[in-house]
C-alpha atoms as a PDB file:
ATOM      1  CA  MET A   1       0.050  -0.007   0.089  1.00  0.00           C
ATOM      2  CA  ARG A   2       1.064   3.594  -0.560  1.00  0.00           C
ATOM      3  CA  ALA A   3       2.214   5.477   2.567  1.00  0.00           C
ATOM      4  CA  SER A   4      -0.749   7.719   2.568  1.00  0.00           C
ATOM      5  CA  SER A   5      -3.119   4.591   2.651  1.00  0.00           C
ATOM      6  CA  VAL A   6      -1.196   2.904   5.349  1.00  0.00           C
ATOM      7  CA  ALA A   7      -2.067   5.444   8.072  1.00  0.00           C
ATOM      8  CA  LEU A   8      -4.406   3.807  10.592  1.00  0.00           C
ATOM      9  CA  ALA A   9      -6.539   6.758  11.807  1.00  0.00           C
ATOM     10  CA  ALA A  10      -6.807   6.886  15.544  1.00  0.00           C
ATOM     11  CA  ALA A  11     -10.652   7.399  15.202  1.00  0.00           C
ATOM     12  CA  TRP A  12     -10.924   4.141  13.340  1.00  0.00           C
ATOM     13  CA  LEU A  13      -9.535   2.331  16.452  1.00  0.00           C
ATOM     14  CA  THR A  14     -11.022   4.397  19.130  1.00  0.00           C
ATOM     15  CA  ALA A  15     -14.563   4.909  17.917  1.00  0.00           C
ATOM     16  CA  GLY A  16     -17.140   2.794  19.458  1.00  0.00           C
ATOM     17  CA  PRO A  17     -17.318   0.843  22.636  1.00  0.00           C
ATOM     18  CA  ALA A  18     -14.615   1.011  25.141  1.00  0.00           C
ATOM     19  CA  SER A  19     -11.559  -1.209  24.385  1.00  0.00           C
ATOM     20  CA  ALA A  20     -11.439  -4.880  25.406  1.00  0.00           C
ATOM     21  CA  VAL A  21      -8.660  -5.916  27.554  1.00  0.00           C
ATOM     22  CA  ALA A  22      -7.137  -9.412  27.088  1.00  0.00           C
ATOM     23  CA  GLN A  23      -6.768 -11.243  30.360  1.00  0.00           C
ATOM     24  CA  ALA A  24      -5.473 -14.550  31.653  1.00  0.00           C
ATOM     25  CA  PRO A  25      -8.130 -17.019  32.629  1.00  0.00           C
ATOM     26  CA  ALA A  26      -8.950 -17.043  36.451  1.00  0.00           C
ATOM     27  CA  PRO A  27      -6.890 -19.944  38.099  1.00  0.00           C
ATOM     28  CA  THR A  28      -8.667 -22.846  39.724  1.00  0.00           C
ATOM     29  CA  GLY A  29      -5.700 -23.711  41.891  1.00  0.00           C
ATOM     30  CA  PRO A  30      -2.538 -21.885  42.922  1.00  0.00           C
ATOM     31  CA  ALA A  31      -2.107 -18.858  40.864  1.00  0.00           C
ATOM     32  CA  THR A  32      -0.053 -19.659  37.821  1.00  0.00           C
ATOM     33  CA  PRO A  33       0.204 -17.155  34.982  1.00  0.00           C
ATOM     34  CA  ALA A  34      -1.112 -18.494  31.673  1.00  0.00           C
ATOM     35  CA  ARG A  35       1.361 -18.996  29.019  1.00  0.00           C
ATOM     36  CA  CYS A  36      -0.721 -17.330  26.337  1.00  0.00           C
ATOM     37  CA  ILE A  37      -3.686 -15.208  26.499  1.00  0.00           C
ATOM     38  CA  THR A  38      -6.232 -15.132  23.594  1.00  0.00           C
ATOM     39  CA  LEU A  39      -6.631 -11.965  21.548  1.00  0.00           C
ATOM     40  CA  GLU A  40      -8.806 -13.412  18.981  1.00  0.00           C
ATOM     41  CA  ASP A  41      -9.750 -16.997  17.894  1.00  0.00           C
ATOM     42  CA  PHE A  42     -13.133 -16.267  16.154  1.00  0.00           C
ATOM     43  CA  ALA A  43     -14.745 -18.988  18.014  1.00  0.00           C
ATOM     44  CA  LYS A  44     -17.821 -16.717  18.769  1.00  0.00           C
ATOM     45  CA  ALA A  45     -17.881 -14.885  15.452  1.00  0.00           C
ATOM     46  CA  THR A  46     -20.708 -15.575  12.973  1.00  0.00           C
ATOM     47  CA  VAL A  47     -19.626 -17.703  10.018  1.00  0.00           C
ATOM     48  CA  GLY A  48     -20.035 -15.858   6.674  1.00  0.00           C
ATOM     49  CA  GLU A  49     -19.903 -12.383   8.269  1.00  0.00           C
ATOM     50  CA  PHE A  50     -17.286  -9.624   9.091  1.00  0.00           C
ATOM     51  CA  PRO A  51     -16.464 -10.195  12.906  1.00  0.00           C
ATOM     52  CA  THR A  52     -18.517  -7.792  14.923  1.00  0.00           C
ATOM     53  CA  ASP A  53     -15.748  -6.825  17.423  1.00  0.00           C
ATOM     54  CA  TRP A  54     -13.370  -5.828  14.541  1.00  0.00           C
ATOM     55  CA  LYS A  55     -13.473  -2.397  12.576  1.00  0.00           C
ATOM     56  CA  PRO A  56     -12.526  -1.904   8.884  1.00  0.00           C
ATOM     57  CA  ARG A  57     -10.545   1.121   8.159  1.00  0.00           C
ATOM     58  CA  LYS A  58     -13.173   1.786   5.533  1.00  0.00           C
ATOM     59  CA  ASP A  59     -16.496   0.351   5.114  1.00  0.00           C
ATOM     60  CA  ALA A  60     -15.659  -1.433   1.909  1.00  0.00           C
ATOM     61  CA  GLY A  61     -13.357  -3.519   3.945  1.00  0.00           C
ATOM     62  CA  LYS A  62     -16.389  -5.531   5.305  1.00  0.00           C
ATOM     63  CA  SER A  63     -16.471  -7.068   1.827  1.00  0.00           C
ATOM     64  CA  VAL A  64     -12.885  -8.199   2.171  1.00  0.00           C
ATOM     65  CA  TYR A  65     -12.960 -10.029   5.360  1.00  0.00           C
ATOM     66  CA  LYS A  66     -15.356 -12.689   6.663  1.00  0.00           C
ATOM     67  CA  VAL A  67     -15.377 -15.574   9.163  1.00  0.00           C
ATOM     68  CA  VAL A  68     -15.099 -19.126   7.621  1.00  0.00           C
ATOM     69  CA  GLU A  69     -15.348 -22.459   9.293  1.00  0.00           C
ATOM     70  CA  GLU A  70     -13.695 -25.711   8.138  1.00  0.00           C
ATOM     71  CA  LYS A  71     -14.171 -28.763  10.230  1.00  0.00           C
ATOM     72  CA  GLY A  72     -15.257 -26.912  13.167  1.00  0.00           C
ATOM     73  CA  PHE A  73     -12.287 -24.471  13.122  1.00  0.00           C
ATOM     74  CA  ARG A  74     -13.210 -20.792  12.621  1.00  0.00           C
ATOM     75  CA  PHE A  75     -10.936 -18.288  11.072  1.00  0.00           C
ATOM     76  CA  LEU A  76     -10.758 -14.984   9.225  1.00  0.00           C
ATOM     77  CA  ARG A  77     -10.586 -15.267   5.421  1.00  0.00           C
ATOM     78  CA  ALA A  78      -9.518 -12.209   3.415  1.00  0.00           C
ATOM     79  CA  ALA A  79     -10.234 -11.833  -0.421  1.00  0.00           C
ATOM     80  CA  SER A  80      -9.235  -8.515  -1.884  1.00  0.00           C
ATOM     81  CA  ARG A  81      -9.801  -7.406  -5.370  1.00  0.00           C
ATOM     82  CA  GLY A  82      -7.896  -4.063  -6.133  1.00  0.00           C
ATOM     83  CA  LEU A  83      -8.368  -2.925  -2.454  1.00  0.00           C
ATOM     84  CA  GLY A  84      -6.119  -2.118   0.362  1.00  0.00           C
ATOM     85  CA  ILE A  85      -8.202  -1.869   3.501  1.00  0.00           C
ATOM     86  CA  GLN A  86      -7.056  -3.096   7.007  1.00  0.00           C
ATOM     87  CA  ALA A  87      -9.238  -4.514   9.581  1.00  0.00           C
ATOM     88  CA  ALA A  88      -8.391  -4.114  13.265  1.00  0.00           C
ATOM     89  CA  LYS A  89      -9.479  -5.237  16.611  1.00  0.00           C
ATOM     90  CA  GLN A  90      -9.036  -2.914  19.659  1.00  0.00           C
ATOM     91  CA  VAL A  91      -7.542  -4.963  22.508  1.00  0.00           C
ATOM     92  CA  GLU A  92      -5.059  -4.098  25.178  1.00  0.00           C
ATOM     93  CA  TRP A  93      -2.699  -6.393  27.168  1.00  0.00           C
ATOM     94  CA  ASP A  94       0.491  -6.400  29.263  1.00  0.00           C
ATOM     95  CA  LEU A  95       3.102  -6.291  26.565  1.00  0.00           C
ATOM     96  CA  GLY A  96       5.876  -6.473  29.201  1.00  0.00           C
ATOM     97  CA  ALA A  97       4.369  -9.825  30.511  1.00  0.00           C
ATOM     98  CA  TYR A  98       3.358 -11.213  27.151  1.00  0.00           C
ATOM     99  CA  PRO A  99       5.852  -9.921  24.623  1.00  0.00           C
ATOM    100  CA  ILE A 100       5.240 -12.580  21.975  1.00  0.00           C
ATOM    101  CA  LEU A 101       2.520 -12.117  19.273  1.00  0.00           C
ATOM    102  CA  ALA A 102       1.532 -15.403  18.057  1.00  0.00           C
ATOM    103  CA  TRP A 103      -0.936 -16.400  15.264  1.00  0.00           C
ATOM    104  CA  SER A 104      -1.584 -18.920  12.393  1.00  0.00           C
ATOM    105  CA  TRP A 105      -1.772 -17.787   8.773  1.00  0.00           C
ATOM    106  CA  ARG A 106      -1.849 -19.148   5.308  1.00  0.00           C
ATOM    107  CA  PRO A 107      -1.532 -17.613   1.756  1.00  0.00           C
ATOM    108  CA  ARG A 108      -4.098 -18.460  -0.773  1.00  0.00           C
ATOM    109  CA  GLU A 109      -3.299 -16.061  -3.611  1.00  0.00           C
ATOM    110  CA  PHE A 110      -0.406 -13.611  -3.912  1.00  0.00           C
ATOM    111  CA  PRO A 111      -1.115 -10.308  -5.639  1.00  0.00           C
ATOM    112  CA  ARG A 112       0.146 -10.475  -9.244  1.00  0.00           C
ATOM    113  CA  GLY A 113       3.642  -8.804  -9.459  1.00  0.00           C
ATOM    114  CA  ALA A 114       3.747  -7.754  -5.767  1.00  0.00           C
ATOM    115  CA  ASP A 115       7.053  -6.742  -4.153  1.00  0.00           C
ATOM    116  CA  GLU A 116       6.854  -4.752  -0.997  1.00  0.00           C
ATOM    117  CA  ARG A 117      10.313  -3.226  -1.598  1.00  0.00           C
ATOM    118  CA  ASP A 118       8.565  -1.024  -4.479  1.00  0.00           C
ATOM    119  CA  SER A 119       6.051   1.545  -3.501  1.00  0.00           C
ATOM    120  CA  GLY A 120       4.267   0.939  -6.891  1.00  0.00           C
ATOM    121  CA  THR A 121       3.838  -2.839  -6.151  1.00  0.00           C
ATOM    122  CA  ASN A 122       3.521  -2.747  -2.219  1.00  0.00           C
ATOM    123  CA  ASP A 123       0.858  -5.463  -1.662  1.00  0.00           C
ATOM    124  CA  SER A 124       0.833  -8.502   0.355  1.00  0.00           C
ATOM    125  CA  ALA A 125      -1.228 -11.641   0.569  1.00  0.00           C
ATOM    126  CA  LEU A 126      -0.767 -11.555   4.471  1.00  0.00           C
ATOM    127  CA  ALA A 127      -0.010  -8.987   6.977  1.00  0.00           C
ATOM    128  CA  VAL A 128      -0.390  -8.704  10.818  1.00  0.00           C
ATOM    129  CA  TYR A 129       0.083  -5.538  12.842  1.00  0.00           C
ATOM    130  CA  LEU A 130       0.835  -4.891  16.371  1.00  0.00           C
ATOM    131  CA  LEU A 131      -0.714  -1.399  17.064  1.00  0.00           C
ATOM    132  CA  VAL A 132       0.565   1.176  19.584  1.00  0.00           C
ATOM    133  CA  PRO A 133      -1.195   4.441  20.311  1.00  0.00           C
ATOM    134  CA  TYR A 134       0.599   7.555  18.859  1.00  0.00           C
ATOM    135  CA  SER A 135      -1.572  10.355  17.477  1.00  0.00           C
ATOM    136  CA  ARG A 136      -5.190  11.107  16.566  1.00  0.00           C
ATOM    137  CA  ILE A 137      -3.972  12.806  13.461  1.00  0.00           C
ATOM    138  CA  THR A 138      -1.428  10.339  12.078  1.00  0.00           C
ATOM    139  CA  GLY A 139      -2.816   7.180  13.691  1.00  0.00           C
ATOM    140  CA  PRO A 140      -0.919   4.630  15.735  1.00  0.00           C
ATOM    141  CA  LYS A 141       2.563   3.405  15.349  1.00  0.00           C
ATOM    142  CA  ALA A 142       2.739  -0.211  14.095  1.00  0.00           C
ATOM    143  CA  VAL A 143       5.051  -3.126  13.673  1.00  0.00           C
ATOM    144  CA  LYS A 144       3.899  -4.934  10.507  1.00  0.00           C
ATOM    145  CA  TYR A 145       4.658  -8.488   9.879  1.00  0.00           C
ATOM    146  CA  ILE A 146       4.207  -9.703   6.225  1.00  0.00           C
ATOM    147  CA  TRP A 147       4.290 -12.957   4.181  1.00  0.00           C
ATOM    148  CA  SER A 148       5.799 -11.572   1.020  1.00  0.00           C
ATOM    149  CA  ALA A 149       5.755 -13.192  -2.488  1.00  0.00           C
ATOM    150  CA  LYS A 150       9.381 -11.987  -3.220  1.00  0.00           C
ATOM    151  CA  ALA A 151      10.958  -9.903  -0.507  1.00  0.00           C
ATOM    152  CA  PRO A 152      13.571 -12.217   1.447  1.00  0.00           C
ATOM    153  CA  VAL A 153      12.781 -13.146   5.061  1.00  0.00           C
ATOM    154  CA  GLY A 154      14.377 -10.688   7.386  1.00  0.00           C
ATOM    155  CA  THR A 155      13.879  -7.684   5.082  1.00  0.00           C
ATOM    156  CA  HIS A 156      13.050  -4.504   7.061  1.00  0.00           C
ATOM    157  CA  LEU A 157      11.188  -1.724   5.535  1.00  0.00           C
ATOM    158  CA  ASN A 158       9.083   1.305   6.791  1.00  0.00           C
ATOM    159  CA  SER A 159       6.107   3.196   5.574  1.00  0.00           C
ATOM    160  CA  ASN A 160       3.805   6.023   6.793  1.00  0.00           C
ATOM    161  CA  TYR A 161       6.664   8.245   7.419  1.00  0.00           C
ATOM    162  CA  GLY A 162       8.279   5.818   9.717  1.00  0.00           C
ATOM    163  CA  LEU A 163       5.354   5.065  11.857  1.00  0.00           C
ATOM    164  CA  THR A 164       4.949   1.658  10.263  1.00  0.00           C
ATOM    165  CA  GLN A 165       7.864  -0.663  10.728  1.00  0.00           C
ATOM    166  CA  VAL A 166       7.670  -3.650   8.491  1.00  0.00           C
ATOM    167  CA  LEU A 167       9.405  -7.038   8.707  1.00  0.00           C
ATOM    168  CA  VAL A 168       9.183  -9.959   6.353  1.00  0.00           C
ATOM    169  CA  LEU A 169       8.628 -13.121   8.322  1.00  0.00           C
ATOM    170  CA  ARG A 170       7.791 -15.560   5.420  1.00  0.00           C
ATOM    171  CA  ALA A 171       8.374 -15.485   1.718  1.00  0.00           C
ATOM    172  CA  GLY A 172       7.351 -17.239  -1.291  1.00  0.00           C
ATOM    173  CA  ASP A 173       4.498 -19.769  -1.981  1.00  0.00           C
ATOM    174  CA  PRO A 174       4.594 -22.668   0.639  1.00  0.00           C
ATOM    175  CA  GLY A 175       3.403 -25.089  -2.168  1.00  0.00           C
ATOM    176  CA  ARG A 176       0.735 -26.432   0.082  1.00  0.00           C
ATOM    177  CA  ASP A 177      -2.424 -25.468   1.956  1.00  0.00           C
ATOM    178  CA  ASP A 178      -1.212 -25.938   5.574  1.00  0.00           C
ATOM    179  CA  TRP A 179      -1.604 -23.455   8.272  1.00  0.00           C
ATOM    180  CA  VAL A 180       1.729 -22.028   9.564  1.00  0.00           C
ATOM    181  CA  GLU A 181       2.161 -21.129  13.110  1.00  0.00           C
ATOM    182  CA  GLU A 182       3.909 -17.756  13.734  1.00  0.00           C
ATOM    183  CA  ARG A 183       5.577 -16.219  16.809  1.00  0.00           C
ATOM    184  CA  ALA A 184       7.257 -12.857  16.897  1.00  0.00           C
ATOM    185  CA  ASN A 185       8.664 -10.923  19.756  1.00  0.00           C
ATOM    186  CA  ALA A 186       6.462  -7.915  19.204  1.00  0.00           C
ATOM    187  CA  LEU A 187       7.980  -6.045  22.153  1.00  0.00           C
ATOM    188  CA  ALA A 188      11.564  -6.642  21.073  1.00  0.00           C
ATOM    189  CA  ASP A 189      10.852  -5.624  17.401  1.00  0.00           C
ATOM    190  CA  TYR A 190       9.106  -2.446  18.601  1.00  0.00           C
ATOM    191  CA  LYS A 191      11.913  -1.252  20.683  1.00  0.00           C
ATOM    192  CA  LYS A 192      14.388  -2.079  18.163  1.00  0.00           C
ATOM    193  CA  TYR A 193      12.739  -0.552  14.965  1.00  0.00           C
ATOM    194  CA  PHE A 194      11.282   2.576  16.923  1.00  0.00           C
ATOM    195  CA  GLY A 195      14.490   3.068  19.261  1.00  0.00           C
ATOM    196  CA  GLU A 196      12.527   3.088  22.303  1.00  0.00           C
ATOM    197  CA  SER A 197      13.236   1.728  25.686  1.00  0.00           C
ATOM    198  CA  GLU A 198       9.838   1.906  27.396  1.00  0.00           C
ATOM    199  CA  THR A 199       7.182  -0.930  27.117  1.00  0.00           C
ATOM    200  CA  PRO A 200       3.977   0.600  25.465  1.00  0.00           C
ATOM    201  CA  THR A 201       0.458  -0.725  26.048  1.00  0.00           C
ATOM    202  CA  PRO A 202      -0.851  -2.044  22.714  1.00  0.00           C
ATOM    203  CA  ALA A 203      -3.888  -0.353  20.978  1.00  0.00           C
ATOM    204  CA  GLY A 204      -4.811  -3.716  19.337  1.00  0.00           C
ATOM    205  CA  ILE A 205      -4.032  -5.937  16.312  1.00  0.00           C
ATOM    206  CA  ALA A 206      -4.764  -5.556  12.692  1.00  0.00           C
ATOM    207  CA  VAL A 207      -4.630  -7.506   9.457  1.00  0.00           C
ATOM    208  CA  LEU A 208      -4.258  -6.382   5.783  1.00  0.00           C
ATOM    209  CA  THR A 209      -4.617  -8.454   2.555  1.00  0.00           C
ATOM    210  CA  ASP A 210      -4.194  -5.936  -0.193  1.00  0.00           C
ATOM    211  CA  ALA A 211      -3.962  -5.680  -3.913  1.00  0.00           C
ATOM    212  CA  ASP A 212      -4.555  -2.073  -4.632  1.00  0.00           C
ATOM    213  CA  ASP A 213      -1.182  -1.110  -5.958  1.00  0.00           C
ATOM    214  CA  THR A 214      -0.868  -4.094  -8.367  1.00  0.00           C
ATOM    215  CA  LYS A 215      -4.592  -3.716  -9.350  1.00  0.00           C
ATOM    216  CA  SER A 216      -4.883  -7.554  -9.018  1.00  0.00           C
ATOM    217  CA  SER A 217      -6.414  -9.762  -6.271  1.00  0.00           C
ATOM    218  CA  ALA A 218      -5.119 -11.408  -3.069  1.00  0.00           C
ATOM    219  CA  GLN A 219      -6.259 -13.989  -0.554  1.00  0.00           C
ATOM    220  CA  GLY A 220      -5.092 -15.231   2.774  1.00  0.00           C
ATOM    221  CA  ASP A 221      -6.397 -16.625   6.023  1.00  0.00           C
ATOM    222  CA  TYR A 222      -5.839 -15.605   9.634  1.00  0.00           C
ATOM    223  CA  ALA A 223      -6.369 -17.423  12.987  1.00  0.00           C
ATOM    224  CA  ASN A 224      -5.727 -18.024  16.530  1.00  0.00           C
ATOM    225  CA  PHE A 225      -4.293 -14.606  17.675  1.00  0.00           C
ATOM    226  CA  ARG A 226      -2.492 -14.825  20.946  1.00  0.00           C
ATOM    227  CA  ALA A 227      -0.170 -12.888  23.297  1.00  0.00           C
ATOM    228  CA  CYS A 228       2.479 -15.220  24.907  1.00  0.00           C
ATOM    229  CA  ARG A 229       5.262 -15.137  27.502  1.00  0.00           C
ATOM    230  CA  GLY A 230       8.684 -15.247  26.231  1.00  0.00           C
END
């Protein structure tokens, strides 16, 4: 996406009901902190619809993302045709205690000719964001993890005037339709790429499957978002 399109307006995140706070389940025995807390598993979402506790950056995004069920497992499916619209969930958690952002994803269609290193072809089949509050005008800061068609794993990019720091976690077609479990140290990446020492409180998570720059189509699936201990 172009830098101007990547800005996630603060109003988009903060409008509506008060934010949810992800909490560890109450212990039934001696107090033992949970290894992971659930940020979103889509278990209660309605199949065939845009998830109600998420927000699209633009209303057209509701046509891009919908909940799908396969063999009793629910997840978010994204299918973009010439669009580049994020969807986000407002959720806070203790990033210091749970610094690892974990999720599952699988690409279904890479946008034709996409390469995130070129602003003219900056589209991705899959992208996951950690969102941190910053400004009502420019939107939040974000660490964006992508599954790229061409950019090598480990490639670091930035957009939105440096407010979005991008890291390629996966590259290329896996050649199969299996889910891939991902774990990223979101706190370490945030501090590294923004040059900050303090631990922020996240504003939420977001996803993006886009094909606006390449004027093509892209598809991908997302599931089982968690925050985990290191």
